[in-house]
Amino acid sequence: GTSGSSLGKKGCIYSLVSVVQHHGISGSGHFTVYRRVKAEPVCDSLLDASRIGDCVKTIWFKISDSCVSSVPEETVLASEASLLFYERMNRTSETAAIS
């Protein structure tokens, strides 16, 4: 999907790849990380999809100490983020995915 993608300065495209959430008070507490991972393409070829983004599946993972589990994107979007990490995308390959 294309959620989490945004158009930045000078036409660069950024995609949200990680969210850090802090639980507790300043100086004490626990961090949980949500990380987006691209899975293998789900289409046989790009010609099978009407958009490039339809062929790329992404999975969000929740990482807390030694526990790792997959979570729906809605869980990530509902988190109270302390830090957001973005990845600058290749404009030519991603333009079609967000148009």
PDB file of N, CA and C in Angstrom:
ATOM      1  N   GLY A   1       0.809  -1.175   0.000  1.00  0.00           N
ATOM      2  CA  GLY A   1       0.000   0.000   0.000  1.00  0.00           C
ATOM      3  C   GLY A   1       0.856   1.243   0.000  1.00  0.00           C
ATOM      4  N   THR A   2       0.183   2.349  -0.030  1.00  0.00           N
ATOM      5  CA  THR A   2       0.895   3.615  -0.122  1.00  0.00           C
ATOM      6  C   THR A   2       0.724   4.468   1.110  1.00  0.00           C
ATOM      7  N   SER A   3       0.057   3.984   2.126  1.00  0.00           N
ATOM      8  CA  SER A   3      -0.115   4.801   3.320  1.00  0.00           C
ATOM      9  C   SER A   3       1.251   5.060   3.945  1.00  0.00           C
ATOM     10  N   GLY A   4       1.376   6.213   4.525  1.00  0.00           N
ATOM     11  CA  GLY A   4       2.647   6.571   5.127  1.00  0.00           C
ATOM     12  C   GLY A   4       3.584   7.273   4.165  1.00  0.00           C
ATOM     13  N   SER A   5       3.209   7.386   2.884  1.00  0.00           N
ATOM     14  CA  SER A   5       4.045   8.090   1.919  1.00  0.00           C
ATOM     15  C   SER A   5       3.629   9.553   1.880  1.00  0.00           C
ATOM     16  N   SER A   6       4.610  10.432   1.740  1.00  0.00           N
ATOM     17  CA  SER A   6       4.285  11.846   1.637  1.00  0.00           C
ATOM     18  C   SER A   6       5.286  12.528   0.723  1.00  0.00           C
ATOM     19  N   LEU A   7       4.847  13.644   0.142  1.00  0.00           N
ATOM     20  CA  LEU A   7       5.686  14.417  -0.751  1.00  0.00           C
ATOM     21  C   LEU A   7       6.387  15.484   0.064  1.00  0.00           C
ATOM     22  N   GLY A   8       7.715  15.435   0.100  1.00  0.00           N
ATOM     23  CA  GLY A   8       8.495  16.373   0.886  1.00  0.00           C
ATOM     24  C   GLY A   8       8.983  17.532   0.046  1.00  0.00           C
ATOM     25  N   LYS A   9       9.938  18.291   0.578  1.00  0.00           N
ATOM     26  CA  LYS A   9      10.525  19.419  -0.130  1.00  0.00           C
ATOM     27  C   LYS A   9      11.176  18.948  -1.420  1.00  0.00           C
ATOM     28  N   LYS A  10      11.144  19.815  -2.427  1.00  0.00           N
ATOM     29  CA  LYS A  10      11.776  19.571  -3.719  1.00  0.00           C
ATOM     30  C   LYS A  10      11.235  18.315  -4.395  1.00  0.00           C
ATOM     31  N   GLY A  11      10.003  17.922  -4.083  1.00  0.00           N
ATOM     32  CA  GLY A  11       9.384  16.797  -4.752  1.00  0.00           C
ATOM     33  C   GLY A  11       9.889  15.437  -4.323  1.00  0.00           C
ATOM     34  N   CYS A  12      10.633  15.351  -3.236  1.00  0.00           N
ATOM     35  CA  CYS A  12      11.089  14.048  -2.751  1.00  0.00           C
ATOM     36  C   CYS A  12       9.927  13.334  -2.085  1.00  0.00           C
ATOM     37  N   ILE A  13       9.920  12.030  -2.206  1.00  0.00           N
ATOM     38  CA  ILE A  13       8.873  11.226  -1.587  1.00  0.00           C
ATOM     39  C   ILE A  13       9.469  10.505  -0.395  1.00  0.00           C
ATOM     40  N   TYR A  14       8.788  10.621   0.750  1.00  0.00           N
ATOM     41  CA  TYR A  14       9.231   9.968   1.977  1.00  0.00           C
ATOM     42  C   TYR A  14       8.172   8.973   2.417  1.00  0.00           C
ATOM     43  N   SER A  15       8.608   7.862   2.931  1.00  0.00           N
ATOM     44  CA  SER A  15       7.704   6.829   3.400  1.00  0.00           C
ATOM     45  C   SER A  15       8.023   6.504   4.857  1.00  0.00           C
ATOM     46  N   LEU A  16       6.990   6.466   5.683  1.00  0.00           N
ATOM     47  CA  LEU A  16       7.164   6.143   7.094  1.00  0.00           C
ATOM     48  C   LEU A  16       7.595   4.688   7.220  1.00  0.00           C
ATOM     49  N   VAL A  17       8.721   4.457   7.909  1.00  0.00           N
ATOM     50  CA  VAL A  17       9.233   3.090   8.044  1.00  0.00           C
ATOM     51  C   VAL A  17       9.319   2.622   9.489  1.00  0.00           C
ATOM     52  N   SER A  18       9.306   3.556  10.441  1.00  0.00           N
ATOM     53  CA  SER A  18       9.436   3.141  11.828  1.00  0.00           C
ATOM     54  C   SER A  18       8.842   4.194  12.758  1.00  0.00           C
ATOM     55  N   VAL A  19       8.214   3.704  13.829  1.00  0.00           N
ATOM     56  CA  VAL A  19       7.621   4.565  14.846  1.00  0.00           C
ATOM     57  C   VAL A  19       8.118   4.078  16.196  1.00  0.00           C
ATOM     58  N   VAL A  20       8.596   5.008  17.017  1.00  0.00           N
ATOM     59  CA  VAL A  20       9.041   4.673  18.369  1.00  0.00           C
ATOM     60  C   VAL A  20       8.051   5.288  19.342  1.00  0.00           C
ATOM     61  N   GLN A  21       7.565   4.470  20.266  1.00  0.00           N
ATOM     62  CA  GLN A  21       6.614   4.920  21.272  1.00  0.00           C
ATOM     63  C   GLN A  21       7.230   4.719  22.653  1.00  0.00           C
ATOM     64  N   HIS A  22       7.160   5.762  23.488  1.00  0.00           N
ATOM     65  CA  HIS A  22       7.684   5.671  24.859  1.00  0.00           C
ATOM     66  C   HIS A  22       6.525   5.531  25.824  1.00  0.00           C
ATOM     67  N   HIS A  23       6.632   4.581  26.730  1.00  0.00           N
ATOM     68  CA  HIS A  23       5.638   4.370  27.775  1.00  0.00           C
ATOM     69  C   HIS A  23       6.294   4.734  29.108  1.00  0.00           C
ATOM     70  N   GLY A  24       5.658   5.553  29.889  1.00  0.00           N
ATOM     71  CA  GLY A  24       6.225   5.923  31.182  1.00  0.00           C
ATOM     72  C   GLY A  24       6.435   7.409  31.295  1.00  0.00           C
ATOM     73  N   ILE A  25       7.365   7.790  32.186  1.00  0.00           N
ATOM     74  CA  ILE A  25       7.645   9.200  32.429  1.00  0.00           C
ATOM     75  C   ILE A  25       9.055   9.533  31.932  1.00  0.00           C
ATOM     76  N   SER A  26       9.361  10.803  31.864  1.00  0.00           N
ATOM     77  CA  SER A  26      10.679  11.253  31.440  1.00  0.00           C
ATOM     78  C   SER A  26      11.753  10.661  32.355  1.00  0.00           C
ATOM     79  N   GLY A  27      12.744  10.048  31.754  1.00  0.00           N
ATOM     80  CA  GLY A  27      13.829   9.451  32.525  1.00  0.00           C
ATOM     81  C   GLY A  27      13.581   8.026  32.949  1.00  0.00           C
ATOM     82  N   SER A  28      12.375   7.531  32.730  1.00  0.00           N
ATOM     83  CA  SER A  28      12.044   6.172  33.124  1.00  0.00           C
ATOM     84  C   SER A  28      10.924   5.658  32.221  1.00  0.00           C
ATOM     85  N   GLY A  29      10.930   4.391  31.945  1.00  0.00           N
ATOM     86  CA  GLY A  29       9.861   3.823  31.135  1.00  0.00           C
ATOM     87  C   GLY A  29      10.368   2.755  30.191  1.00  0.00           C
ATOM     88  N   HIS A  30       9.644   2.590  29.120  1.00  0.00           N
ATOM     89  CA  HIS A  30       9.914   1.516  28.166  1.00  0.00           C
ATOM     90  C   HIS A  30       9.640   2.006  26.753  1.00  0.00           C
ATOM     91  N   PHE A  31      10.442   1.562  25.799  1.00  0.00           N
ATOM     92  CA  PHE A  31      10.246   1.903  24.396  1.00  0.00           C
ATOM     93  C   PHE A  31       9.695   0.709  23.631  1.00  0.00           C
ATOM     94  N   THR A  32       8.745   0.975  22.757  1.00  0.00           N
ATOM     95  CA  THR A  32       8.217   0.000  21.815  1.00  0.00           C
ATOM     96  C   THR A  32       8.466   0.556  20.420  1.00  0.00           C
ATOM     97  N   VAL A  33       8.881  -0.303  19.511  1.00  0.00           N
ATOM     98  CA  VAL A  33       9.159   0.119  18.139  1.00  0.00           C
ATOM     99  C   VAL A  33       8.206  -0.594  17.191  1.00  0.00           C
ATOM    100  N   TYR A  34       7.656   0.165  16.253  1.00  0.00           N
ATOM    101  CA  TYR A  34       6.887  -0.399  15.149  1.00  0.00           C
ATOM    102  C   TYR A  34       7.729  -0.228  13.900  1.00  0.00           C
ATOM    103  N   ARG A  35       7.898  -1.294  13.128  1.00  0.00           N
ATOM    104  CA  ARG A  35       8.768  -1.258  11.943  1.00  0.00           C
ATOM    105  C   ARG A  35       8.022  -1.834  10.758  1.00  0.00           C
ATOM    106  N   ARG A  36       8.047  -1.095   9.658  1.00  0.00           N
ATOM    107  CA  ARG A  36       7.405  -1.545   8.418  1.00  0.00           C
ATOM    108  C   ARG A  36       8.425  -2.282   7.566  1.00  0.00           C
ATOM    109  N   VAL A  37       8.027  -3.439   7.049  1.00  0.00           N
ATOM    110  CA  VAL A  37       8.905  -4.259   6.222  1.00  0.00           C
ATOM    111  C   VAL A  37       8.186  -4.560   4.916  1.00  0.00           C
ATOM    112  N   LYS A  38       8.884  -4.403   3.816  1.00  0.00           N
ATOM    113  CA  LYS A  38       8.311  -4.759   2.523  1.00  0.00           C
ATOM    114  C   LYS A  38       8.425  -6.266   2.330  1.00  0.00           C
ATOM    115  N   ALA A  39       7.316  -6.871   1.973  1.00  0.00           N
ATOM    116  CA  ALA A  39       7.300  -8.304   1.711  1.00  0.00           C
ATOM    117  C   ALA A  39       7.564  -8.547   0.221  1.00  0.00           C
ATOM    118  N   GLU A  40       7.645  -9.793  -0.142  1.00  0.00           N
ATOM    119  CA  GLU A  40       7.836 -10.139  -1.550  1.00  0.00           C
ATOM    120  C   GLU A  40       6.662  -9.612  -2.371  1.00  0.00           C
ATOM    121  N   PRO A  41       6.907  -9.233  -3.635  1.00  0.00           N
ATOM    122  CA  PRO A  41       5.803  -8.761  -4.485  1.00  0.00           C
ATOM    123  C   PRO A  41       4.715  -9.831  -4.581  1.00  0.00           C
ATOM    124  N   VAL A  42       3.465  -9.387  -4.590  1.00  0.00           N
ATOM    125  CA  VAL A  42       2.346 -10.318  -4.660  1.00  0.00           C
ATOM    126  C   VAL A  42       1.813 -10.490  -6.079  1.00  0.00           C
ATOM    127  N   CYS A  43       2.397  -9.789  -7.057  1.00  0.00           N
ATOM    128  CA  CYS A  43       1.992  -9.916  -8.457  1.00  0.00           C
ATOM    129  C   CYS A  43       3.072 -10.671  -9.223  1.00  0.00           C
ATOM    130  N   ASP A  44       2.661 -11.385 -10.264  1.00  0.00           N
ATOM    131  CA  ASP A  44       3.635 -12.080 -11.102  1.00  0.00           C
ATOM    132  C   ASP A  44       4.511 -11.088 -11.851  1.00  0.00           C
ATOM    133  N   SER A  45       3.923  -9.994 -12.262  1.00  0.00           N
ATOM    134  CA  SER A  45       4.683  -8.940 -12.937  1.00  0.00           C
ATOM    135  C   SER A  45       3.950  -7.630 -12.720  1.00  0.00           C
ATOM    136  N   LEU A  46       4.638  -6.539 -12.971  1.00  0.00           N
ATOM    137  CA  LEU A  46       4.004  -5.231 -12.800  1.00  0.00           C
ATOM    138  C   LEU A  46       2.872  -5.043 -13.791  1.00  0.00           C
ATOM    139  N   LEU A  47       2.879  -5.801 -14.870  1.00  0.00           N
ATOM    140  CA  LEU A  47       1.810  -5.691 -15.856  1.00  0.00           C
ATOM    141  C   LEU A  47       0.494  -6.248 -15.326  1.00  0.00           C
ATOM    142  N   ASP A  48       0.543  -7.081 -14.292  1.00  0.00           N
ATOM    143  CA  ASP A  48      -0.659  -7.668 -13.714  1.00  0.00           C
ATOM    144  C   ASP A  48      -1.413  -6.701 -12.819  1.00  0.00           C
ATOM    145  N   ALA A  49      -0.802  -5.598 -12.451  1.00  0.00           N
ATOM    146  CA  ALA A  49      -1.439  -4.652 -11.528  1.00  0.00           C
ATOM    147  C   ALA A  49      -1.679  -3.324 -12.224  1.00  0.00           C
ATOM    148  N   SER A  50      -2.723  -2.646 -11.806  1.00  0.00           N
ATOM    149  CA  SER A  50      -3.001  -1.339 -12.394  1.00  0.00           C
ATOM    150  C   SER A  50      -2.058  -0.280 -11.854  1.00  0.00           C
ATOM    151  N   ARG A  51      -1.473  -0.528 -10.670  1.00  0.00           N
ATOM    152  CA  ARG A  51      -0.518   0.399 -10.059  1.00  0.00           C
ATOM    153  C   ARG A  51       0.628  -0.388  -9.460  1.00  0.00           C
ATOM    154  N   ILE A  52       1.794   0.211  -9.433  1.00  0.00           N
ATOM    155  CA  ILE A  52       2.962  -0.446  -8.844  1.00  0.00           C
ATOM    156  C   ILE A  52       2.709  -0.795  -7.386  1.00  0.00           C
ATOM    157  N   GLY A  53       2.062   0.092  -6.636  1.00  0.00           N
ATOM    158  CA  GLY A  53       1.807  -0.127  -5.226  1.00  0.00           C
ATOM    159  C   GLY A  53       0.961  -1.352  -4.935  1.00  0.00           C
ATOM    160  N   ASP A  54       0.171  -1.807  -5.913  1.00  0.00           N
ATOM    161  CA  ASP A  54      -0.663  -2.984  -5.718  1.00  0.00           C
ATOM    162  C   ASP A  54       0.166  -4.259  -5.614  1.00  0.00           C
ATOM    163  N   CYS A  55       1.397  -4.238  -6.109  1.00  0.00           N
ATOM    164  CA  CYS A  55       2.235  -5.435  -6.119  1.00  0.00           C
ATOM    165  C   CYS A  55       3.120  -5.547  -4.890  1.00  0.00           C
ATOM    166  N   VAL A  56       3.244  -4.492  -4.127  1.00  0.00           N
ATOM    167  CA  VAL A  56       4.136  -4.501  -2.973  1.00  0.00           C
ATOM    168  C   VAL A  56       3.305  -4.580  -1.700  1.00  0.00           C
ATOM    169  N   LYS A  57       3.528  -5.605  -0.931  1.00  0.00           N
ATOM    170  CA  LYS A  57       2.823  -5.766   0.343  1.00  0.00           C
ATOM    171  C   LYS A  57       3.762  -5.340   1.465  1.00  0.00           C
ATOM    172  N   THR A  58       3.227  -4.600   2.414  1.00  0.00           N
ATOM    173  CA  THR A  58       4.032  -4.214   3.566  1.00  0.00           C
ATOM    174  C   THR A  58       3.413  -4.807   4.826  1.00  0.00           C
ATOM    175  N   ILE A  59       4.272  -5.140   5.773  1.00  0.00           N
ATOM    176  CA  ILE A  59       3.847  -5.709   7.041  1.00  0.00           C
ATOM    177  C   ILE A  59       4.462  -4.862   8.150  1.00  0.00           C
ATOM    178  N   TRP A  60       3.652  -4.518   9.143  1.00  0.00           N
ATOM    179  CA  TRP A  60       4.142  -3.793  10.316  1.00  0.00           C
ATOM    180  C   TRP A  60       4.415  -4.790  11.431  1.00  0.00           C
ATOM    181  N   PHE A  61       5.537  -4.596  12.114  1.00  0.00           N
ATOM    182  CA  PHE A  61       5.894  -5.422  13.257  1.00  0.00           C
ATOM    183  C   PHE A  61       6.008  -4.555  14.500  1.00  0.00           C
ATOM    184  N   LYS A  62       5.593  -5.101  15.629  1.00  0.00           N
ATOM    185  CA  LYS A  62       5.776  -4.460  16.927  1.00  0.00           C
ATOM    186  C   LYS A  62       6.937  -5.162  17.614  1.00  0.00           C
ATOM    187  N   ILE A  63       7.934  -4.384  18.045  1.00  0.00           N
ATOM    188  CA  ILE A  63       9.120  -4.940  18.698  1.00  0.00           C
ATOM    189  C   ILE A  63       9.186  -4.361  20.105  1.00  0.00           C
ATOM    190  N   SER A  64       9.151  -5.239  21.087  1.00  0.00           N
ATOM    191  CA  SER A  64       9.210  -4.834  22.488  1.00  0.00           C
ATOM    192  C   SER A  64      10.076  -5.848  23.224  1.00  0.00           C
ATOM    193  N   ASP A  65      11.273  -5.418  23.592  1.00  0.00           N
ATOM    194  CA  ASP A  65      12.267  -6.321  24.184  1.00  0.00           C
ATOM    195  C   ASP A  65      12.493  -7.499  23.238  1.00  0.00           C
ATOM    196  N   SER A  66      12.280  -8.721  23.695  1.00  0.00           N
ATOM    197  CA  SER A  66      12.530  -9.881  22.835  1.00  0.00           C
ATOM    198  C   SER A  66      11.270 -10.367  22.127  1.00  0.00           C
ATOM    199  N   CYS A  67      10.166  -9.642  22.267  1.00  0.00           N
ATOM    200  CA  CYS A  67       8.906 -10.038  21.627  1.00  0.00           C
ATOM    201  C   CYS A  67       8.710  -9.280  20.315  1.00  0.00           C
ATOM    202  N   VAL A  68       8.467 -10.022  19.255  1.00  0.00           N
ATOM    203  CA  VAL A  68       8.192  -9.440  17.942  1.00  0.00           C
ATOM    204  C   VAL A  68       6.902 -10.052  17.423  1.00  0.00           C
ATOM    205  N   SER A  69       5.966  -9.199  17.010  1.00  0.00           N
ATOM    206  CA  SER A  69       4.707  -9.699  16.468  1.00  0.00           C
ATOM    207  C   SER A  69       4.223  -8.776  15.362  1.00  0.00           C
ATOM    208  N   SER A  70       3.479  -9.314  14.422  1.00  0.00           N
ATOM    209  CA  SER A  70       2.907  -8.480  13.361  1.00  0.00           C
ATOM    210  C   SER A  70       1.667  -7.779  13.911  1.00  0.00           C
ATOM    211  N   VAL A  71       1.448  -6.558  13.442  1.00  0.00           N
ATOM    212  CA  VAL A  71       0.299  -5.767  13.890  1.00  0.00           C
ATOM    213  C   VAL A  71      -0.325  -5.084  12.677  1.00  0.00           C
ATOM    214  N   PRO A  72      -1.621  -4.773  12.754  1.00  0.00           N
ATOM    215  CA  PRO A  72      -2.244  -4.033  11.654  1.00  0.00           C
ATOM    216  C   PRO A  72      -1.753  -2.586  11.625  1.00  0.00           C
ATOM    217  N   GLU A  73      -1.788  -1.992  10.469  1.00  0.00           N
ATOM    218  CA  GLU A  73      -1.355  -0.604  10.306  1.00  0.00           C
ATOM    219  C   GLU A  73      -2.133   0.341  11.229  1.00  0.00           C
ATOM    220  N   GLU A  74      -3.394   0.035  11.490  1.00  0.00           N
ATOM    221  CA  GLU A  74      -4.216   0.872  12.349  1.00  0.00           C
ATOM    222  C   GLU A  74      -3.621   0.993  13.759  1.00  0.00           C
ATOM    223  N   THR A  75      -3.007  -0.079  14.247  1.00  0.00           N
ATOM    224  CA  THR A  75      -2.360  -0.061  15.560  1.00  0.00           C
ATOM    225  C   THR A  75      -1.206   0.932  15.566  1.00  0.00           C
ATOM    226  N   VAL A  76      -0.433   0.934  14.504  1.00  0.00           N
ATOM    227  CA  VAL A  76       0.702   1.855  14.384  1.00  0.00           C
ATOM    228  C   VAL A  76       0.204   3.292  14.326  1.00  0.00           C
ATOM    229  N   LEU A  77      -0.805   3.537  13.526  1.00  0.00           N
ATOM    230  CA  LEU A  77      -1.329   4.898  13.373  1.00  0.00           C
ATOM    231  C   LEU A  77      -1.970   5.417  14.656  1.00  0.00           C
ATOM    232  N   ALA A  78      -2.456   4.525  15.510  1.00  0.00           N
ATOM    233  CA  ALA A  78      -3.088   4.928  16.768  1.00  0.00           C
ATOM    234  C   ALA A  78      -2.074   5.096  17.902  1.00  0.00           C
ATOM    235  N   SER A  79      -0.823   4.728  17.682  1.00  0.00           N
ATOM    236  CA  SER A  79       0.182   4.833  18.741  1.00  0.00           C
ATOM    237  C   SER A  79       0.534   6.295  19.013  1.00  0.00           C
ATOM    238  N   GLU A  80       1.052   6.552  20.196  1.00  0.00           N
ATOM    239  CA  GLU A  80       1.495   7.899  20.562  1.00  0.00           C
ATOM    240  C   GLU A  80       2.992   7.967  20.318  1.00  0.00           C
ATOM    241  N   ALA A  81       3.361   8.388  19.130  1.00  0.00           N
ATOM    242  CA  ALA A  81       4.746   8.347  18.679  1.00  0.00           C
ATOM    243  C   ALA A  81       5.633   9.353  19.393  1.00  0.00           C
ATOM    244  N   SER A  82       6.827   8.905  19.768  1.00  0.00           N
ATOM    245  CA  SER A  82       7.864   9.784  20.297  1.00  0.00           C
ATOM    246  C   SER A  82       8.829  10.174  19.185  1.00  0.00           C
ATOM    247  N   LEU A  83       9.104   9.227  18.293  1.00  0.00           N
ATOM    248  CA  LEU A  83       9.998   9.444  17.152  1.00  0.00           C
ATOM    249  C   LEU A  83       9.400   8.795  15.916  1.00  0.00           C
ATOM    250  N   LEU A  84       9.591   9.445  14.775  1.00  0.00           N
ATOM    251  CA  LEU A  84       9.175   8.890  13.489  1.00  0.00           C
ATOM    252  C   LEU A  84      10.400   8.799  12.591  1.00  0.00           C
ATOM    253  N   PHE A  85      10.544   7.693  11.885  1.00  0.00           N
ATOM    254  CA  PHE A  85      11.643   7.524  10.945  1.00  0.00           C
ATOM    255  C   PHE A  85      11.075   7.362   9.548  1.00  0.00           C
ATOM    256  N   TYR A  86      11.638   8.137   8.618  1.00  0.00           N
ATOM    257  CA  TYR A  86      11.199   8.105   7.225  1.00  0.00           C
ATOM    258  C   TYR A  86      12.345   7.664   6.330  1.00  0.00           C
ATOM    259  N   GLU A  87      11.971   7.106   5.196  1.00  0.00           N
ATOM    260  CA  GLU A  87      12.940   6.695   4.181  1.00  0.00           C
ATOM    261  C   GLU A  87      12.630   7.492   2.921  1.00  0.00           C
ATOM    262  N   ARG A  88      13.662   8.108   2.338  1.00  0.00           N
ATOM    263  CA  ARG A  88      13.461   8.818   1.080  1.00  0.00           C
ATOM    264  C   ARG A  88      13.399   7.789  -0.037  1.00  0.00           C
ATOM    265  N   MET A  89      12.343   7.859  -0.822  1.00  0.00           N
ATOM    266  CA  MET A  89      12.105   6.859  -1.858  1.00  0.00           C
ATOM    267  C   MET A  89      12.681   7.315  -3.194  1.00  0.00           C
ATOM    268  N   ASN A  90      12.914   6.350  -4.059  1.00  0.00           N
ATOM    269  CA  ASN A  90      13.329   6.618  -5.433  1.00  0.00           C
ATOM    270  C   ASN A  90      12.121   7.193  -6.158  1.00  0.00           C
ATOM    271  N   ARG A  91      12.199   8.424  -6.558  1.00  0.00           N
ATOM    272  CA  ARG A  91      11.052   9.127  -7.145  1.00  0.00           C
ATOM    273  C   ARG A  91      10.492   8.435  -8.368  1.00  0.00           C
ATOM    274  N   THR A  92      11.306   7.892  -9.223  1.00  0.00           N
ATOM    275  CA  THR A  92      10.797   7.308 -10.464  1.00  0.00           C
ATOM    276  C   THR A  92       9.999   6.031 -10.228  1.00  0.00           C
ATOM    277  N   SER A  93      10.385   5.211  -9.260  1.00  0.00           N
ATOM    278  CA  SER A  93       9.658   3.960  -9.027  1.00  0.00           C
ATOM    279  C   SER A  93       8.453   4.133  -8.131  1.00  0.00           C
ATOM    280  N   GLU A  94       8.417   5.186  -7.313  1.00  0.00           N
ATOM    281  CA  GLU A  94       7.327   5.350  -6.370  1.00  0.00           C
ATOM    282  C   GLU A  94       6.257   6.317  -6.840  1.00  0.00           C
ATOM    283  N   THR A  95       6.526   7.136  -7.839  1.00  0.00           N
ATOM    284  CA  THR A  95       5.566   8.138  -8.281  1.00  0.00           C
ATOM    285  C   THR A  95       4.238   7.502  -8.675  1.00  0.00           C
ATOM    286  N   ALA A  96       4.295   6.420  -9.425  1.00  0.00           N
ATOM    287  CA  ALA A  96       3.085   5.767  -9.868  1.00  0.00           C
ATOM    288  C   ALA A  96       2.299   5.176  -8.700  1.00  0.00           C
ATOM    289  N   ALA A  97       2.993   4.799  -7.642  1.00  0.00           N
ATOM    290  CA  ALA A  97       2.333   4.162  -6.506  1.00  0.00           C
ATOM    291  C   ALA A  97       1.474   5.120  -5.698  1.00  0.00           C
ATOM    292  N   ILE A  98       1.787   6.428  -5.727  1.00  0.00           N
ATOM    293  CA  ILE A  98       0.997   7.348  -4.908  1.00  0.00           C
ATOM    294  C   ILE A  98       0.076   8.234  -5.746  1.00  0.00           C
ATOM    295  N   SER A  99       0.129   8.105  -7.054  1.00  0.00           N
ATOM    296  CA  SER A  99      -0.728   8.965  -7.884  1.00  0.00           C
ATOM    297  C   SER A  99      -2.115   8.412  -8.024  1.00  0.00           C
TER     298      SER A  99
END
